[in-house]
C-alpha atoms as a PDB file:
ATOM      1  CA  MET A   1      12.717-102.337  -4.389  1.00  0.00           C
ATOM      2  CA  GLU A   2      15.298 -99.382  -3.618  1.00  0.00           C
ATOM      3  CA  TRP A   3      13.585 -96.012  -2.623  1.00  0.00           C
ATOM      4  CA  SER A   4      15.370 -92.994  -3.918  1.00  0.00           C
ATOM      5  CA  LYS A   5      15.248 -89.869  -1.327  1.00  0.00           C
ATOM      6  CA  GLU A   6      12.716 -88.262  -3.668  1.00  0.00           C
ATOM      7  CA  GLU A   7      10.928 -91.078  -3.978  1.00  0.00           C
ATOM      8  CA  THR A   8      10.758 -91.698  -0.462  1.00  0.00           C
ATOM      9  CA  ILE A   9       9.471 -87.939   0.195  1.00  0.00           C
ATOM     10  CA  ARG A  10       6.540 -88.508  -2.340  1.00  0.00           C
ATOM     11  CA  PHE A  11       5.836 -91.583  -0.914  1.00  0.00           C
ATOM     12  CA  ILE A  12       5.643 -89.650   2.675  1.00  0.00           C
ATOM     13  CA  GLU A  13       3.412 -86.742   0.929  1.00  0.00           C
ATOM     14  CA  ALA A  14       1.294 -89.651  -0.429  1.00  0.00           C
ATOM     15  CA  TYR A  15       0.767 -91.097   2.874  1.00  0.00           C
ATOM     16  CA  GLN A  16       0.063 -87.816   4.407  1.00  0.00           C
ATOM     17  CA  LYS A  17      -2.628 -86.800   2.415  1.00  0.00           C
ATOM     18  CA  ARG A  18      -4.707 -89.624   3.539  1.00  0.00           C
ATOM     19  CA  GLU A  19      -5.233 -89.141   7.275  1.00  0.00           C
ATOM     20  CA  LEU A  20      -7.088 -91.597   7.817  1.00  0.00           C
ATOM     21  CA  ILE A  21      -4.525 -94.362   7.535  1.00  0.00           C
ATOM     22  CA  TRP A  22      -2.053 -92.500  10.178  1.00  0.00           C
ATOM     23  CA  ASP A  23      -4.537 -90.252  12.455  1.00  0.00           C
ATOM     24  CA  PRO A  24      -6.212 -92.236  15.003  1.00  0.00           C
ATOM     25  CA  ARG A  25      -8.621 -89.512  15.565  1.00  0.00           C
ATOM     26  CA  HIS A  26      -9.849 -89.466  12.049  1.00  0.00           C
ATOM     27  CA  VAL A  27     -13.509 -90.941  11.628  1.00  0.00           C
ATOM     28  CA  ALA A  28     -12.647 -93.456   9.135  1.00  0.00           C
ATOM     29  CA  HIS A  29      -9.273 -94.587  11.024  1.00  0.00           C
ATOM     30  CA  TYR A  30     -10.691 -98.275  12.121  1.00  0.00           C
ATOM     31  CA  ASN A  31     -12.874 -98.627   9.025  1.00  0.00           C
ATOM     32  CA  LYS A  32     -10.122-101.544   7.438  1.00  0.00           C
ATOM     33  CA  HIS A  33     -12.016-101.403   4.402  1.00  0.00           C
ATOM     34  CA  ARG A  34     -11.692 -97.621   4.158  1.00  0.00           C
ATOM     35  CA  LYS A  35      -7.820 -97.831   5.183  1.00  0.00           C
ATOM     36  CA  GLN A  36      -7.161-100.763   2.733  1.00  0.00           C
ATOM     37  CA  ASP A  37      -8.480 -98.797   0.089  1.00  0.00           C
ATOM     38  CA  ALA A  38      -6.489 -95.664   1.007  1.00  0.00           C
ATOM     39  CA  TRP A  39      -3.083 -97.990   1.272  1.00  0.00           C
ATOM     40  CA  GLU A  40      -3.861 -98.965  -2.332  1.00  0.00           C
ATOM     41  CA  GLU A  41      -4.237 -95.472  -3.559  1.00  0.00           C
ATOM     42  CA  VAL A  42      -0.906 -95.037  -2.246  1.00  0.00           C
ATOM     43  CA  ALA A  43       0.349 -97.877  -3.854  1.00  0.00           C
ATOM     44  CA  LYS A  44      -1.013 -97.244  -7.052  1.00  0.00           C
ATOM     45  CA  GLU A  45       0.463 -93.528  -6.927  1.00  0.00           C
ATOM     46  CA  MET A  46       3.605 -95.012  -5.911  1.00  0.00           C
ATOM     47  CA  GLY A  47       3.779 -97.823  -8.753  1.00  0.00           C
ATOM     48  CA  THR A  48       4.444-100.897  -6.342  1.00  0.00           C
ATOM     49  CA  SER A  49       2.090-102.799  -4.038  1.00  0.00           C
ATOM     50  CA  VAL A  50       0.532-102.038  -0.757  1.00  0.00           C
ATOM     51  CA  ASP A  51       2.843-104.710   1.088  1.00  0.00           C
ATOM     52  CA  VAL A  52       6.152-102.895  -0.200  1.00  0.00           C
ATOM     53  CA  CYS A  53       4.625 -99.378   1.143  1.00  0.00           C
ATOM     54  CA  LYS A  54       3.342-100.741   4.306  1.00  0.00           C
ATOM     55  CA  LYS A  55       6.985-102.223   5.125  1.00  0.00           C
ATOM     56  CA  LYS A  56       8.505 -99.196   3.360  1.00  0.00           C
ATOM     57  CA  MET A  57       6.361 -96.946   6.390  1.00  0.00           C
ATOM     58  CA  GLU A  58       7.380 -99.521   9.064  1.00  0.00           C
ATOM     59  CA  TYR A  59      10.839 -98.769   8.342  1.00  0.00           C
ATOM     60  CA  LEU A  60      10.249 -95.159   8.244  1.00  0.00           C
ATOM     61  CA  LEU A  61       8.382 -95.060  11.647  1.00  0.00           C
ATOM     62  CA  ALA A  62      11.131 -96.924  13.202  1.00  0.00           C
ATOM     63  CA  ALA A  63      13.625 -94.377  11.911  1.00  0.00           C
ATOM     64  CA  LEU A  64      11.486 -91.811  13.038  1.00  0.00           C
ATOM     65  CA  ARG A  65      11.296 -93.344  16.700  1.00  0.00           C
ATOM     66  CA  ARG A  66      15.406 -93.898  17.038  1.00  0.00           C
ATOM     67  CA  GLU A  67      15.510 -89.839  15.640  1.00  0.00           C
ATOM     68  CA  LYS A  68      13.075 -88.826  18.602  1.00  0.00           C
ATOM     69  CA  MET A  69      15.075 -90.663  20.926  1.00  0.00           C
ATOM     70  CA  LYS A  70      18.163 -89.399  20.186  1.00  0.00           C
ATOM     71  CA  ILE A  71      16.413 -85.803  20.511  1.00  0.00           C
ATOM     72  CA  LYS A  72      14.866 -86.951  23.941  1.00  0.00           C
ATOM     73  CA  LYS A  73      18.232 -88.086  25.168  1.00  0.00           C
ATOM     74  CA  SER A  74      19.972 -85.344  24.248  1.00  0.00           C
ATOM     75  CA  THR A  75      17.585 -82.655  25.896  1.00  0.00           C
ATOM     76  CA  GLY A  76      17.800 -82.777  29.781  1.00  0.00           C
ATOM     77  CA  THR A  77      18.933 -80.737  32.757  1.00  0.00           C
ATOM     78  CA  GLY A  78      22.560 -79.374  32.298  1.00  0.00           C
ATOM     79  CA  LYS A  79      22.866 -79.445  28.942  1.00  0.00           C
ATOM     80  CA  GLY A  80      23.487 -76.625  26.665  1.00  0.00           C
ATOM     81  CA  VAL A  81      21.397 -75.615  23.463  1.00  0.00           C
ATOM     82  CA  HIS A  82      24.513 -76.631  21.506  1.00  0.00           C
ATOM     83  CA  GLU A  83      24.372 -80.182  22.881  1.00  0.00           C
ATOM     84  CA  VAL A  84      20.808 -80.954  21.698  1.00  0.00           C
ATOM     85  CA  TYR A  85      20.721 -83.484  18.988  1.00  0.00           C
ATOM     86  CA  THR A  86      19.808 -82.291  15.793  1.00  0.00           C
ATOM     87  CA  SER A  87      18.545 -84.651  13.476  1.00  0.00           C
ATOM     88  CA  SER A  88      20.273 -84.661   9.886  1.00  0.00           C
ATOM     89  CA  TRP A  89      18.412 -87.566   8.222  1.00  0.00           C
ATOM     90  CA  PHE A  90      16.449 -86.718   4.931  1.00  0.00           C
ATOM     91  CA  ALA A  91      13.129 -87.601   6.155  1.00  0.00           C
ATOM     92  CA  PHE A  92      13.101 -86.148   9.366  1.00  0.00           C
ATOM     93  CA  ASP A  93      11.263 -82.716   8.561  1.00  0.00           C
ATOM     94  CA  SER A  94       8.780 -84.656   5.868  1.00  0.00           C
ATOM     95  CA  LEU A  95       7.570 -87.034   8.900  1.00  0.00           C
ATOM     96  CA  LYS A  96       7.118 -84.219  11.673  1.00  0.00           C
ATOM     97  CA  PHE A  97       3.132 -84.746  10.910  1.00  0.00           C
ATOM     98  CA  LEU A  98       3.331 -87.819  12.617  1.00  0.00           C
ATOM     99  CA  TRP A  99       5.218 -86.564  15.958  1.00  0.00           C
ATOM    100  CA  ASP A 100       2.510 -86.108  18.147  1.00  0.00           C
ATOM    101  CA  LYS A 101      -0.186 -88.470  16.244  1.00  0.00           C
ATOM    102  CA  ASN A 102      -0.664 -90.428  19.545  1.00  0.00           C
ATOM    103  CA  LYS A 103      -1.162 -87.858  21.616  1.00  0.00           C
ATOM    104  CA  PRO A 104      -4.478 -88.075  23.438  1.00  0.00           C
ATOM    105  CA  LYS A 105      -7.288 -85.582  22.601  1.00  0.00           C
ATOM    106  CA  PRO A 106      -7.191 -82.752  24.913  1.00  0.00           C
ATOM    107  CA  ALA A 107      -9.361 -83.211  28.073  1.00  0.00           C
ATOM    108  CA  SER A 108     -12.345 -80.917  28.435  1.00  0.00           C
ATOM    109  CA  SER A 109     -14.251 -79.391  31.242  1.00  0.00           C
ATOM    110  CA  THR A 110     -18.030 -80.442  31.613  1.00  0.00           C
ATOM    111  CA  ASN A 111     -18.753 -77.726  34.110  1.00  0.00           C
ATOM    112  CA  PHE A 112     -21.490 -75.362  32.466  1.00  0.00           C
ATOM    113  CA  PRO A 113     -22.738 -72.989  32.055  1.00  0.00           C
ATOM    114  CA  GLY A 114     -19.931 -70.643  30.092  1.00  0.00           C
ATOM    115  CA  LYS A 115     -16.842 -72.782  31.119  1.00  0.00           C
ATOM    116  CA  GLU A 116     -14.348 -72.952  28.307  1.00  0.00           C
ATOM    117  CA  VAL A 117     -12.043 -75.768  28.201  1.00  0.00           C
ATOM    118  CA  SER A 118      -9.681 -75.223  30.828  1.00  0.00           C
ATOM    119  CA  LEU A 119      -7.194 -77.836  30.219  1.00  0.00           C
ATOM    120  CA  LEU A 120      -5.842 -76.722  27.200  1.00  0.00           C
ATOM    121  CA  ARG A 121      -3.020 -74.248  27.063  1.00  0.00           C
ATOM    122  CA  LEU A 122      -4.656 -71.628  24.415  1.00  0.00           C
ATOM    123  CA  ARG A 123      -2.133 -69.003  22.896  1.00  0.00           C
ATOM    124  CA  GLU A 124      -3.099 -65.536  23.862  1.00  0.00           C
ATOM    125  CA  GLY A 125      -5.139 -64.164  20.702  1.00  0.00           C
ATOM    126  CA  ASN A 126      -6.064 -67.660  19.263  1.00  0.00           C
ATOM    127  CA  HIS A 127      -9.565 -66.762  19.727  1.00  0.00           C
ATOM    128  CA  MET A 128     -10.965 -68.954  17.026  1.00  0.00           C
ATOM    129  CA  ARG A 129      -9.538 -72.049  18.807  1.00  0.00           C
ATOM    130  CA  LYS A 130     -11.431 -71.289  21.776  1.00  0.00           C
ATOM    131  CA  ILE A 131     -14.758 -70.709  20.074  1.00  0.00           C
ATOM    132  CA  THR A 132     -14.285 -73.864  18.221  1.00  0.00           C
ATOM    133  CA  LEU A 133     -13.653 -75.620  21.100  1.00  0.00           C
ATOM    134  CA  THR A 134     -16.095 -73.995  23.208  1.00  0.00           C
ATOM    135  CA  LEU A 135     -18.815 -74.949  19.991  1.00  0.00           C
ATOM    136  CA  HIS A 136     -17.290 -78.580  20.274  1.00  0.00           C
ATOM    137  CA  LEU A 137     -17.758 -79.004  23.653  1.00  0.00           C
ATOM    138  CA  ILE A 138     -21.661 -77.726  23.540  1.00  0.00           C
ATOM    139  CA  TRP A 139     -21.887 -80.375  20.742  1.00  0.00           C
ATOM    140  CA  LYS A 140     -20.404 -83.240  22.278  1.00  0.00           C
ATOM    141  CA  VAL A 141     -21.562 -82.651  25.954  1.00  0.00           C
ATOM    142  CA  MET A 142     -24.776 -80.411  26.268  1.00  0.00           C
ATOM    143  CA  VAL A 143     -26.853 -81.587  23.149  1.00  0.00           C
ATOM    144  CA  PRO A 144     -26.848 -85.194  23.896  1.00  0.00           C
ATOM    145  CA  SER A 145     -27.784 -84.158  27.545  1.00  0.00           C
ATOM    146  CA  ILE A 146     -30.655 -82.213  25.994  1.00  0.00           C
ATOM    147  CA  LEU A 147     -31.883 -84.998  23.714  1.00  0.00           C
ATOM    148  CA  TRP A 148     -31.610 -87.672  26.411  1.00  0.00           C
ATOM    149  CA  THR A 149     -33.665 -85.266  29.070  1.00  0.00           C
ATOM    150  CA  LEU A 150     -36.335 -84.634  26.008  1.00  0.00           C
ATOM    151  CA  ARG A 151     -36.759 -88.121  25.582  1.00  0.00           C
ATOM    152  CA  ASN A 152     -36.954 -89.365  28.879  1.00  0.00           C
ATOM    153  CA  LEU A 153     -39.194 -86.349  30.197  1.00  0.00           C
ATOM    154  CA  GLN A 154     -42.282 -88.567  30.628  1.00  0.00           C
ATOM    155  CA  THR A 155     -40.331 -91.001  32.790  1.00  0.00           C
ATOM    156  CA  LEU A 156     -38.418 -88.133  34.654  1.00  0.00           C
ATOM    157  CA  GLU A 157     -42.025 -86.400  35.373  1.00  0.00           C
ATOM    158  CA  LYS A 158     -43.419 -89.740  37.066  1.00  0.00           C
ATOM    159  CA  ILE A 159     -39.876 -89.967  39.251  1.00  0.00           C
ATOM    160  CA  HIS A 160     -39.408 -86.493  40.034  1.00  0.00           C
ATOM    161  CA  PRO A 161     -42.483 -84.567  39.582  1.00  0.00           C
ATOM    162  CA  GLN A 162     -41.088 -81.505  41.216  1.00  0.00           C
ATOM    163  CA  TRP A 163     -38.609 -81.508  38.391  1.00  0.00           C
ATOM    164  CA  ILE A 164     -41.051 -80.570  35.868  1.00  0.00           C
ATOM    165  CA  ARG A 165     -43.091 -77.812  35.847  1.00  0.00           C
ATOM    166  CA  SER A 166     -46.464 -77.563  34.250  1.00  0.00           C
ATOM    167  CA  PRO A 167     -47.111 -74.569  31.984  1.00  0.00           C
END
């Protein structure tokens, strides 16, 4: 199947809408059945088969990697702004959402109390993100720790009675 530029952009948009296909941080990304369903939705929207869509995305991702390499090679010490490669490929801007999809999640500090995520470079004035990250950290680290302690309170009392104060 020959894809026009417009069809390719429409395909990229359909792919982008289904984050579970491309985002490894998505909850269902590793669920092969849900992922297959999402690919089938994309194929239906494009009026073609899943295999054709997957092959097209392979080609697009390879082209995106080539463009990223050109940019990386053109930036470096001693090079001027006018020497940096700027992509003229029609799909480059549409695929930018995939640029950092494989970057690991930011590391977080587990030093409590009141310790915010120190390894993230948060922009000044981005308070909502700080609050979100702090709440996320509390939910992922403190809550499981408290639940574990409550479940194992009797065992802890037997091993370390000095830790448990009776009312």
